[in-house]
Amino acid sequence: MKAIVLIVVAALALPIVALGAVGLRFTSAKLERMKQVRGFIPADDARKVPVLEKAVIDGANWVRWNDEAGIDRIGGHRFSLPSDAFQRYQPGDQIEVLFFEDERAPIPRESVFAEDGNFVFDRVLLAIELAMVVLPLLVLALVAVFVRRKSSTPQPASR
């Protein structure tokens, strides 16, 4: 019976731990990327690219930086900017962007991606993911200790 309790607790705890671990990996990598975008840590591939064309499409402010396709086409040849940054840049200007291997489009330093609110959200998310790893393991350890103590407690002799 005691082993069954431990198995059930482990079966419930380990998927939560696994999900938290996956989340921790993703969120911590995203926070590192956000720090690079904001300039808090050095970026591997930051460069200036030209603003070739600007357009507001479906409420988003798009900047085309190469001739791969038109600005109205989805792809890595364009990126979006918040309204204030979009207003500051004109065709012919240079804008600093960061290139990442797994992103199809560069990320401008002035993007929504690395705004303060996103840092707060992702740090809270990181804390939740950490709790998803630590708390179930702690519960599992406590249950294991409790089961072991119960099994090592001498039973009264039967008459």
N, C-alpha and C. Protein backbone atom coordinates (compact mmCIF):
# COMPACT_ATOMS: atom_id res chain seq x y z
N MET A 1 0.82 -1.21 0.00
CA MET A 1 0.00 0.00 0.00
C MET A 1 0.87 1.27 0.00
N LYS A 2 1.93 1.23 0.82
CA LYS A 2 2.79 2.41 0.91
C LYS A 2 3.51 2.66 -0.41
N ALA A 3 3.92 1.59 -1.08
CA ALA A 3 4.59 1.73 -2.37
C ALA A 3 3.63 2.30 -3.40
N ILE A 4 2.37 1.93 -3.33
CA ILE A 4 1.36 2.44 -4.26
C ILE A 4 1.19 3.94 -4.09
N VAL A 5 1.18 4.39 -2.84
CA VAL A 5 1.06 5.83 -2.56
C VAL A 5 2.23 6.58 -3.20
N LEU A 6 3.42 6.04 -3.04
CA LEU A 6 4.60 6.67 -3.60
C LEU A 6 4.55 6.68 -5.13
N ILE A 7 4.10 5.60 -5.72
CA ILE A 7 3.99 5.51 -7.18
C ILE A 7 2.95 6.50 -7.70
N VAL A 8 1.83 6.63 -7.02
CA VAL A 8 0.78 7.56 -7.44
C VAL A 8 1.28 9.00 -7.35
N VAL A 9 1.95 9.33 -6.24
CA VAL A 9 2.47 10.69 -6.08
C VAL A 9 3.51 10.98 -7.17
N ALA A 10 4.38 10.01 -7.44
CA ALA A 10 5.39 10.20 -8.49
C ALA A 10 4.73 10.36 -9.85
N ALA A 11 3.70 9.56 -10.12
CA ALA A 11 3.00 9.65 -11.41
C ALA A 11 2.33 11.00 -11.59
N LEU A 12 1.89 11.60 -10.51
CA LEU A 12 1.29 12.93 -10.59
C LEU A 12 2.35 14.03 -10.65
N ALA A 13 3.44 13.85 -9.91
CA ALA A 13 4.46 14.90 -9.80
C ALA A 13 5.35 15.00 -11.03
N LEU A 14 5.77 13.89 -11.58
CA LEU A 14 6.78 13.92 -12.64
C LEU A 14 6.33 14.62 -13.92
N PRO A 15 5.08 14.47 -14.38
CA PRO A 15 4.67 15.25 -15.56
C PRO A 15 4.69 16.76 -15.29
N ILE A 16 4.35 17.15 -14.08
CA ILE A 16 4.38 18.58 -13.73
C ILE A 16 5.83 19.07 -13.74
N VAL A 17 6.74 18.26 -13.19
CA VAL A 17 8.16 18.61 -13.18
C VAL A 17 8.68 18.72 -14.61
N ALA A 18 8.31 17.77 -15.46
CA ALA A 18 8.77 17.79 -16.85
C ALA A 18 8.26 19.03 -17.58
N LEU A 19 6.99 19.35 -17.39
CA LEU A 19 6.42 20.53 -18.03
C LEU A 19 7.12 21.80 -17.53
N GLY A 20 7.36 21.87 -16.23
CA GLY A 20 8.07 23.02 -15.67
C GLY A 20 9.48 23.14 -16.21
N ALA A 21 10.16 22.00 -16.38
CA ALA A 21 11.54 22.01 -16.89
C ALA A 21 11.59 22.49 -18.34
N VAL A 22 10.63 22.04 -19.14
CA VAL A 22 10.57 22.51 -20.54
C VAL A 22 10.30 24.01 -20.56
N GLY A 23 9.36 24.45 -19.75
CA GLY A 23 9.06 25.88 -19.67
C GLY A 23 10.25 26.70 -19.22
N LEU A 24 10.98 26.20 -18.22
CA LEU A 24 12.17 26.90 -17.73
C LEU A 24 13.19 27.08 -18.85
N ARG A 25 13.39 26.04 -19.61
CA ARG A 25 14.37 26.13 -20.70
C ARG A 25 13.94 27.18 -21.73
N PHE A 26 12.68 27.13 -22.14
CA PHE A 26 12.18 28.07 -23.14
C PHE A 26 12.20 29.51 -22.62
N THR A 27 11.66 29.72 -21.42
CA THR A 27 11.54 31.08 -20.88
C THR A 27 12.91 31.68 -20.57
N SER A 28 13.83 30.88 -20.03
CA SER A 28 15.16 31.43 -19.74
C SER A 28 15.89 31.80 -21.03
N ALA A 29 15.72 30.99 -22.08
CA ALA A 29 16.33 31.33 -23.37
C ALA A 29 15.71 32.60 -23.95
N LYS A 30 14.39 32.74 -23.79
CA LYS A 30 13.72 33.95 -24.29
C LYS A 30 14.20 35.18 -23.53
N LEU A 31 14.36 35.07 -22.21
CA LEU A 31 14.85 36.20 -21.43
C LEU A 31 16.27 36.59 -21.85
N GLU A 32 17.11 35.61 -22.15
CA GLU A 32 18.47 35.92 -22.63
C GLU A 32 18.40 36.68 -23.95
N ARG A 33 17.54 36.24 -24.84
CA ARG A 33 17.37 36.91 -26.13
C ARG A 33 16.85 38.34 -25.91
N MET A 34 15.91 38.50 -25.00
CA MET A 34 15.37 39.83 -24.72
C MET A 34 16.46 40.75 -24.17
N LYS A 35 17.34 40.21 -23.32
CA LYS A 35 18.45 41.01 -22.79
C LYS A 35 19.38 41.46 -23.91
N GLN A 36 19.58 40.59 -24.90
CA GLN A 36 20.41 40.97 -26.05
C GLN A 36 19.75 42.08 -26.86
N VAL A 37 18.44 41.95 -27.08
CA VAL A 37 17.72 42.96 -27.85
C VAL A 37 17.79 44.31 -27.16
N ARG A 38 17.65 44.32 -25.84
CA ARG A 38 17.71 45.59 -25.10
C ARG A 38 19.13 46.11 -24.92
N GLY A 39 20.14 45.28 -25.20
CA GLY A 39 21.53 45.71 -25.05
C GLY A 39 22.08 45.50 -23.65
N PHE A 40 21.39 44.73 -22.81
CA PHE A 40 21.87 44.46 -21.45
C PHE A 40 23.06 43.50 -21.49
N ILE A 41 23.09 42.62 -22.48
CA ILE A 41 24.22 41.72 -22.70
C ILE A 41 24.56 41.78 -24.19
N PRO A 42 25.80 41.47 -24.55
CA PRO A 42 26.20 41.56 -25.96
C PRO A 42 25.41 40.60 -26.85
N ALA A 43 25.15 41.05 -28.05
CA ALA A 43 24.45 40.23 -29.04
C ALA A 43 25.47 39.66 -30.02
N ASP A 44 25.20 38.45 -30.49
CA ASP A 44 26.11 37.81 -31.43
C ASP A 44 26.08 38.46 -32.81
N ASP A 45 24.89 38.83 -33.27
CA ASP A 45 24.77 39.35 -34.64
C ASP A 45 23.84 40.57 -34.68
N ALA A 46 24.37 41.72 -34.30
CA ALA A 46 23.63 42.98 -34.37
C ALA A 46 24.21 43.80 -35.51
N ARG A 47 23.33 44.33 -36.33
CA ARG A 47 23.80 45.17 -37.43
C ARG A 47 22.73 46.18 -37.83
N LYS A 48 23.16 47.17 -38.57
CA LYS A 48 22.23 48.17 -39.07
C LYS A 48 21.77 47.75 -40.46
N VAL A 49 20.48 47.90 -40.68
CA VAL A 49 19.90 47.59 -42.00
C VAL A 49 19.11 48.80 -42.46
N PRO A 50 18.91 48.93 -43.77
CA PRO A 50 18.18 50.09 -44.27
C PRO A 50 16.67 49.92 -44.13
N VAL A 51 16.00 51.03 -43.91
CA VAL A 51 14.53 51.06 -44.00
C VAL A 51 14.23 51.32 -45.47
N LEU A 52 13.74 50.30 -46.16
CA LEU A 52 13.44 50.45 -47.59
C LEU A 52 12.02 50.93 -47.83
N GLU A 53 11.11 50.49 -46.95
CA GLU A 53 9.70 50.83 -47.13
C GLU A 53 9.00 50.66 -45.79
N LYS A 54 7.95 51.47 -45.58
CA LYS A 54 7.13 51.38 -44.37
C LYS A 54 5.68 51.26 -44.78
N ALA A 55 4.92 50.52 -43.98
CA ALA A 55 3.49 50.42 -44.25
C ALA A 55 2.77 49.95 -42.99
N VAL A 56 1.53 50.41 -42.85
CA VAL A 56 0.66 49.91 -41.79
C VAL A 56 -0.27 48.91 -42.46
N ILE A 57 -0.18 47.66 -42.04
CA ILE A 57 -0.99 46.59 -42.62
C ILE A 57 -1.73 45.88 -41.50
N ASP A 58 -3.05 45.89 -41.59
CA ASP A 58 -3.89 45.26 -40.56
C ASP A 58 -3.54 45.74 -39.16
N GLY A 59 -3.26 47.02 -39.03
CA GLY A 59 -2.98 47.62 -37.73
C GLY A 59 -1.56 47.46 -37.22
N ALA A 60 -0.71 46.77 -37.96
CA ALA A 60 0.69 46.58 -37.55
C ALA A 60 1.59 47.47 -38.40
N ASN A 61 2.64 47.99 -37.77
CA ASN A 61 3.60 48.88 -38.43
C ASN A 61 4.77 48.07 -38.96
N TRP A 62 4.82 47.89 -40.28
CA TRP A 62 5.84 47.05 -40.90
C TRP A 62 6.92 47.86 -41.56
N VAL A 63 8.15 47.35 -41.47
CA VAL A 63 9.31 47.93 -42.14
C VAL A 63 9.93 46.84 -43.00
N ARG A 64 10.12 47.15 -44.27
CA ARG A 64 10.82 46.22 -45.17
C ARG A 64 12.28 46.64 -45.21
N TRP A 65 13.17 45.66 -45.01
CA TRP A 65 14.60 45.97 -44.94
C TRP A 65 15.43 45.32 -46.07
N ASN A 66 14.80 44.42 -46.85
CA ASN A 66 15.53 43.88 -48.01
C ASN A 66 14.57 43.66 -49.17
N ASP A 67 15.10 43.25 -50.30
CA ASP A 67 14.30 43.14 -51.52
C ASP A 67 13.75 41.74 -51.77
N GLU A 68 13.73 40.91 -50.77
CA GLU A 68 13.27 39.53 -50.92
C GLU A 68 11.82 39.45 -51.41
N ALA A 69 10.97 40.35 -50.94
CA ALA A 69 9.55 40.37 -51.33
C ALA A 69 8.98 41.74 -50.98
N GLY A 70 7.74 41.96 -51.40
CA GLY A 70 7.06 43.21 -51.08
C GLY A 70 6.67 43.26 -49.61
N ILE A 71 6.44 44.45 -49.13
CA ILE A 71 6.14 44.63 -47.70
C ILE A 71 4.82 43.95 -47.30
N ASP A 72 3.93 43.76 -48.27
CA ASP A 72 2.64 43.15 -47.96
C ASP A 72 2.72 41.62 -47.89
N ARG A 73 3.89 41.06 -48.17
CA ARG A 73 4.09 39.61 -48.11
C ARG A 73 4.71 39.22 -46.76
N ILE A 74 4.23 38.15 -46.16
CA ILE A 74 4.79 37.66 -44.91
C ILE A 74 6.17 37.08 -45.17
N GLY A 75 7.12 37.37 -44.29
CA GLY A 75 8.45 36.79 -44.46
C GLY A 75 9.51 37.52 -43.66
N GLY A 76 10.73 37.01 -43.78
CA GLY A 76 11.85 37.56 -43.04
C GLY A 76 12.41 38.86 -43.59
N HIS A 77 11.83 39.36 -44.65
CA HIS A 77 12.28 40.60 -45.27
C HIS A 77 11.66 41.83 -44.59
N ARG A 78 10.80 41.59 -43.61
CA ARG A 78 10.15 42.70 -42.91
C ARG A 78 10.07 42.39 -41.42
N PHE A 79 9.89 43.44 -40.63
CA PHE A 79 9.68 43.31 -39.19
C PHE A 79 8.75 44.43 -38.75
N SER A 80 8.15 44.24 -37.57
CA SER A 80 7.22 45.26 -37.08
C SER A 80 7.89 46.11 -36.01
N LEU A 81 7.36 47.32 -35.86
CA LEU A 81 7.85 48.27 -34.86
C LEU A 81 6.66 48.85 -34.10
N PRO A 82 6.88 49.23 -32.83
CA PRO A 82 5.83 49.98 -32.14
C PRO A 82 5.65 51.34 -32.81
N SER A 83 4.50 51.94 -32.62
CA SER A 83 4.14 53.19 -33.33
C SER A 83 5.16 54.30 -33.16
N ASP A 84 5.67 54.50 -31.93
CA ASP A 84 6.61 55.61 -31.73
C ASP A 84 7.89 55.41 -32.52
N ALA A 85 8.43 54.21 -32.55
CA ALA A 85 9.63 53.94 -33.34
C ALA A 85 9.32 54.00 -34.83
N PHE A 86 8.17 53.50 -35.22
CA PHE A 86 7.76 53.51 -36.63
C PHE A 86 7.72 54.94 -37.16
N GLN A 87 7.26 55.88 -36.36
CA GLN A 87 7.16 57.28 -36.78
C GLN A 87 8.54 57.92 -36.94
N ARG A 88 9.52 57.49 -36.15
CA ARG A 88 10.86 58.10 -36.19
C ARG A 88 11.66 57.72 -37.43
N TYR A 89 11.41 56.56 -37.98
CA TYR A 89 12.23 56.08 -39.11
C TYR A 89 11.53 56.37 -40.44
N GLN A 90 12.35 56.74 -41.40
CA GLN A 90 11.88 57.01 -42.76
C GLN A 90 12.68 56.16 -43.74
N PRO A 91 12.12 55.89 -44.92
CA PRO A 91 12.90 55.16 -45.92
C PRO A 91 14.26 55.84 -46.15
N GLY A 92 15.29 55.01 -46.18
CA GLY A 92 16.66 55.52 -46.32
C GLY A 92 17.41 55.54 -44.99
N ASP A 93 16.68 55.58 -43.87
CA ASP A 93 17.32 55.55 -42.55
C ASP A 93 17.89 54.16 -42.29
N GLN A 94 18.81 54.08 -41.36
CA GLN A 94 19.36 52.81 -40.89
C GLN A 94 18.76 52.50 -39.51
N ILE A 95 18.47 51.22 -39.28
CA ILE A 95 17.91 50.79 -38.00
C ILE A 95 18.68 49.56 -37.52
N GLU A 96 19.00 49.54 -36.22
CA GLU A 96 19.75 48.41 -35.68
C GLU A 96 18.81 47.26 -35.36
N VAL A 97 19.19 46.09 -35.86
CA VAL A 97 18.41 44.87 -35.63
C VAL A 97 19.35 43.75 -35.20
N LEU A 98 18.77 42.71 -34.61
CA LEU A 98 19.53 41.53 -34.22
C LEU A 98 19.03 40.34 -35.01
N PHE A 99 19.97 39.54 -35.45
CA PHE A 99 19.64 38.32 -36.18
C PHE A 99 19.89 37.13 -35.28
N PHE A 100 18.93 36.21 -35.25
CA PHE A 100 19.05 34.96 -34.49
C PHE A 100 18.83 33.81 -35.46
N GLU A 101 19.57 32.73 -35.27
CA GLU A 101 19.52 31.59 -36.19
C GLU A 101 18.11 31.03 -36.37
N ASP A 102 17.34 30.98 -35.30
CA ASP A 102 16.03 30.33 -35.38
C ASP A 102 14.87 31.30 -35.63
N GLU A 103 15.18 32.54 -35.96
CA GLU A 103 14.15 33.52 -36.29
C GLU A 103 14.23 33.82 -37.78
N ARG A 104 13.09 33.88 -38.43
CA ARG A 104 13.13 34.16 -39.88
C ARG A 104 13.32 35.64 -40.17
N ALA A 105 12.94 36.51 -39.24
CA ALA A 105 13.10 37.95 -39.43
C ALA A 105 13.99 38.50 -38.31
N PRO A 106 14.73 39.56 -38.60
CA PRO A 106 15.51 40.18 -37.53
C PRO A 106 14.59 40.85 -36.52
N ILE A 107 15.12 41.06 -35.32
CA ILE A 107 14.36 41.72 -34.27
C ILE A 107 14.99 43.08 -34.02
N PRO A 108 14.25 44.16 -34.24
CA PRO A 108 14.80 45.49 -33.98
C PRO A 108 14.96 45.74 -32.48
N ARG A 109 15.94 46.52 -32.13
CA ARG A 109 16.16 46.84 -30.71
C ARG A 109 14.93 47.52 -30.10
N GLU A 110 14.19 48.23 -30.91
CA GLU A 110 13.02 48.96 -30.42
C GLU A 110 11.73 48.18 -30.62
N SER A 111 11.77 46.89 -30.42
CA SER A 111 10.59 46.07 -30.66
C SER A 111 9.78 45.86 -29.39
N VAL A 112 8.55 45.45 -29.56
CA VAL A 112 7.67 45.12 -28.45
C VAL A 112 8.20 43.90 -27.71
N PHE A 113 8.92 43.05 -28.42
CA PHE A 113 9.46 41.80 -27.88
C PHE A 113 10.18 42.00 -26.55
N ALA A 114 10.92 43.08 -26.40
CA ALA A 114 11.74 43.28 -25.20
C ALA A 114 11.30 44.48 -24.37
N GLU A 115 10.02 44.81 -24.40
CA GLU A 115 9.53 45.91 -23.56
C GLU A 115 9.53 45.49 -22.09
N ASP A 116 9.51 46.48 -21.21
CA ASP A 116 9.56 46.22 -19.77
C ASP A 116 8.45 45.27 -19.30
N GLY A 117 7.25 45.45 -19.82
CA GLY A 117 6.14 44.59 -19.42
C GLY A 117 6.38 43.13 -19.77
N ASN A 118 7.04 42.88 -20.89
CA ASN A 118 7.36 41.51 -21.27
C ASN A 118 8.42 40.91 -20.36
N PHE A 119 9.36 41.74 -19.90
CA PHE A 119 10.35 41.25 -18.93
C PHE A 119 9.66 40.84 -17.63
N VAL A 120 8.75 41.66 -17.16
CA VAL A 120 8.03 41.34 -15.92
C VAL A 120 7.24 40.05 -16.10
N PHE A 121 6.49 39.96 -17.20
CA PHE A 121 5.68 38.77 -17.46
C PHE A 121 6.55 37.52 -17.49
N ASP A 122 7.66 37.57 -18.23
CA ASP A 122 8.50 36.39 -18.38
C ASP A 122 9.23 36.03 -17.09
N ARG A 123 9.55 37.00 -16.27
CA ARG A 123 10.17 36.67 -14.96
C ARG A 123 9.16 36.02 -14.03
N VAL A 124 7.92 36.48 -14.06
CA VAL A 124 6.86 35.82 -13.27
C VAL A 124 6.65 34.40 -13.79
N LEU A 125 6.60 34.26 -15.10
CA LEU A 125 6.45 32.94 -15.70
C LEU A 125 7.61 32.02 -15.31
N LEU A 126 8.82 32.54 -15.30
CA LEU A 126 9.99 31.76 -14.91
C LEU A 126 9.86 31.30 -13.45
N ALA A 127 9.37 32.15 -12.57
CA ALA A 127 9.18 31.78 -11.17
C ALA A 127 8.13 30.67 -11.04
N ILE A 128 7.06 30.76 -11.81
CA ILE A 128 6.02 29.72 -11.79
C ILE A 128 6.60 28.40 -12.29
N GLU A 129 7.37 28.46 -13.37
CA GLU A 129 7.97 27.24 -13.91
C GLU A 129 8.96 26.62 -12.93
N LEU A 130 9.71 27.45 -12.24
CA LEU A 130 10.63 26.95 -11.22
C LEU A 130 9.86 26.26 -10.10
N ALA A 131 8.75 26.87 -9.69
CA ALA A 131 7.91 26.26 -8.66
C ALA A 131 7.34 24.93 -9.15
N MET A 132 7.03 24.83 -10.45
CA MET A 132 6.51 23.58 -11.01
C MET A 132 7.56 22.46 -10.95
N VAL A 133 8.82 22.83 -10.94
CA VAL A 133 9.88 21.83 -10.83
C VAL A 133 10.16 21.50 -9.36
N VAL A 134 10.31 22.52 -8.54
CA VAL A 134 10.76 22.32 -7.16
C VAL A 134 9.67 21.76 -6.25
N LEU A 135 8.47 22.33 -6.30
CA LEU A 135 7.43 21.91 -5.34
C LEU A 135 7.00 20.46 -5.49
N PRO A 136 6.73 19.95 -6.69
CA PRO A 136 6.38 18.53 -6.79
C PRO A 136 7.50 17.60 -6.33
N LEU A 137 8.76 17.97 -6.60
CA LEU A 137 9.87 17.15 -6.13
C LEU A 137 9.96 17.17 -4.61
N LEU A 138 9.69 18.32 -4.03
CA LEU A 138 9.68 18.43 -2.57
C LEU A 138 8.56 17.57 -1.97
N VAL A 139 7.37 17.64 -2.57
CA VAL A 139 6.25 16.81 -2.10
C VAL A 139 6.60 15.34 -2.23
N LEU A 140 7.18 14.97 -3.35
CA LEU A 140 7.56 13.57 -3.57
C LEU A 140 8.58 13.12 -2.52
N ALA A 141 9.56 13.95 -2.23
CA ALA A 141 10.56 13.62 -1.21
C ALA A 141 9.91 13.47 0.16
N LEU A 142 9.00 14.38 0.50
CA LEU A 142 8.32 14.29 1.81
C LEU A 142 7.47 13.04 1.91
N VAL A 143 6.78 12.70 0.85
CA VAL A 143 5.97 11.47 0.86
C VAL A 143 6.87 10.25 1.00
N ALA A 144 8.00 10.25 0.31
CA ALA A 144 8.93 9.13 0.41
C ALA A 144 9.45 8.98 1.83
N VAL A 145 9.79 10.09 2.46
CA VAL A 145 10.25 10.05 3.86
C VAL A 145 9.14 9.54 4.76
N PHE A 146 7.93 10.04 4.57
CA PHE A 146 6.80 9.62 5.40
C PHE A 146 6.53 8.12 5.23
N VAL A 147 6.54 7.64 3.98
CA VAL A 147 6.30 6.21 3.72
C VAL A 147 7.39 5.37 4.35
N ARG A 148 8.63 5.82 4.24
CA ARG A 148 9.75 5.07 4.83
C ARG A 148 9.64 5.02 6.34
N ARG A 149 9.29 6.14 6.96
CA ARG A 149 9.14 6.17 8.43
C ARG A 149 8.02 5.25 8.88
N LYS A 150 6.92 5.30 8.16
CA LYS A 150 5.77 4.44 8.52
C LYS A 150 6.15 2.97 8.41
N SER A 151 6.94 2.64 7.38
CA SER A 151 7.29 1.23 7.19
C SER A 151 8.34 0.77 8.19
N SER A 152 9.11 1.71 8.76
CA SER A 152 10.14 1.32 9.74
C SER A 152 9.65 1.42 11.17
N THR A 153 8.43 1.93 11.37
CA THR A 153 7.88 2.02 12.72
C THR A 153 7.47 0.61 13.16
N PRO A 154 7.94 0.17 14.37
CA PRO A 154 7.58 -1.18 14.83
C PRO A 154 6.07 -1.28 15.06
N GLN A 155 5.54 -2.37 14.62
CA GLN A 155 4.10 -2.64 14.79
C GLN A 155 3.89 -3.36 16.13
N PRO A 156 2.79 -3.04 16.81
CA PRO A 156 2.54 -3.74 18.08
C PRO A 156 2.35 -5.25 17.81
N ALA A 157 2.84 -6.04 18.74
CA ALA A 157 2.72 -7.48 18.60
C ALA A 157 1.28 -7.90 18.72
N SER A 158 0.88 -8.82 17.87
CA SER A 158 -0.50 -9.31 17.93
C SER A 158 -0.59 -10.44 18.92
N ARG A 159 -1.70 -10.58 19.61
CA ARG A 159 -1.88 -11.59 20.64
C ARG A 159 -2.57 -12.79 20.15
